[in-house]
Amino acid sequence: MIFSAKDIAEYIVALIAAFASHYQLTEAEAYRYLSKHGAIKVAYDFYDVMHTQSFDDMVQSMFQHYCYKKPR
């Protein structure tokens, strides 16, 4: 299935916001942190699966698999 760039971008923005909220970061800090650890690319590459899961599950999964220490 083909997904639009707009759908993927909106999902990634929402995922960054959820991560920021969960770890009490600004959205800019969350973006830099997730980008540094490769999680943004993973969200883009695996949007087809990730968008079917809850944001809570994806935030936890991103942290556990791509971000090895708690964001500050």
Protein backbone atom coordinates (compact mmCIF):
# COMPACT_ATOMS: atom_id res chain seq x y z
CA MET A 1 0.00 0.00 0.00
CA ILE A 2 1.25 3.48 -0.86
CA PHE A 3 1.02 6.17 1.83
CA SER A 4 1.11 9.89 1.16
CA ALA A 5 4.05 11.98 2.31
CA LYS A 6 1.54 14.19 4.14
CA ASP A 7 0.20 11.25 6.19
CA ILE A 8 3.71 10.11 7.10
CA ALA A 9 4.82 13.64 8.02
CA GLU A 10 1.73 14.22 10.19
CA TYR A 11 2.30 10.90 11.95
CA ILE A 12 5.97 11.69 12.66
CA VAL A 13 5.09 15.16 13.99
CA ALA A 14 2.46 13.62 16.30
CA LEU A 15 4.91 10.93 17.41
CA ILE A 16 7.54 13.55 18.25
CA ALA A 17 4.92 15.49 20.24
CA ALA A 18 3.92 12.34 22.15
CA PHE A 19 7.58 11.55 22.92
CA ALA A 20 8.16 15.14 24.06
CA SER A 21 5.12 15.07 26.32
CA HIS A 22 6.03 11.68 27.81
CA TYR A 23 9.60 12.75 28.65
CA GLN A 24 8.78 16.39 29.47
CA LEU A 25 10.86 17.79 26.62
CA THR A 26 10.12 20.53 24.14
CA GLU A 27 9.19 19.25 20.71
CA ALA A 28 12.47 20.65 19.34
CA GLU A 29 14.45 18.75 21.99
CA ALA A 30 12.50 15.57 21.27
CA TYR A 31 13.11 15.93 17.53
CA ARG A 32 16.86 16.41 18.01
CA TYR A 33 17.05 13.46 20.41
CA LEU A 34 15.05 11.09 18.21
CA SER A 35 16.87 12.20 15.07
CA LYS A 36 20.27 11.71 16.73
CA HIS A 37 19.34 8.13 17.64
CA GLY A 38 17.82 7.24 14.26
CA ALA A 39 14.23 6.91 15.47
CA ILE A 40 12.85 9.46 12.97
CA LYS A 41 14.19 7.41 10.06
CA VAL A 42 12.72 4.25 11.58
CA ALA A 43 9.32 5.95 11.93
CA TYR A 44 9.52 6.99 8.27
CA ASP A 45 10.70 3.59 7.03
CA PHE A 46 8.18 1.60 9.08
CA TYR A 47 5.20 3.96 9.00
CA ASP A 48 3.07 1.21 7.46
CA VAL A 49 3.30 -0.82 10.68
CA MET A 50 3.85 1.89 13.28
CA HIS A 51 0.76 3.94 12.44
CA THR A 52 -1.43 0.96 13.38
CA GLN A 53 -0.09 0.94 16.95
CA SER A 54 -0.87 3.30 19.83
CA PHE A 55 1.35 6.33 20.38
CA ASP A 56 2.10 5.12 23.91
CA ASP A 57 3.37 1.80 22.57
CA MET A 58 5.45 3.50 19.89
CA VAL A 59 6.99 6.00 22.34
CA GLN A 60 8.03 3.14 24.62
CA SER A 61 9.29 1.09 21.69
CA MET A 62 11.33 3.97 20.26
CA PHE A 63 12.95 4.59 23.60
CA GLN A 64 13.71 0.92 24.27
CA HIS A 65 15.08 0.11 20.83
CA TYR A 66 16.68 3.31 19.56
CA CYS A 67 17.36 5.55 22.53
CA TYR A 68 19.60 3.95 25.09
CA LYS A 69 19.42 6.50 27.90
CA LYS A 70 16.65 8.64 29.30
CA PRO A 71 16.32 12.02 27.56
CA ARG A 72 17.29 15.04 29.62
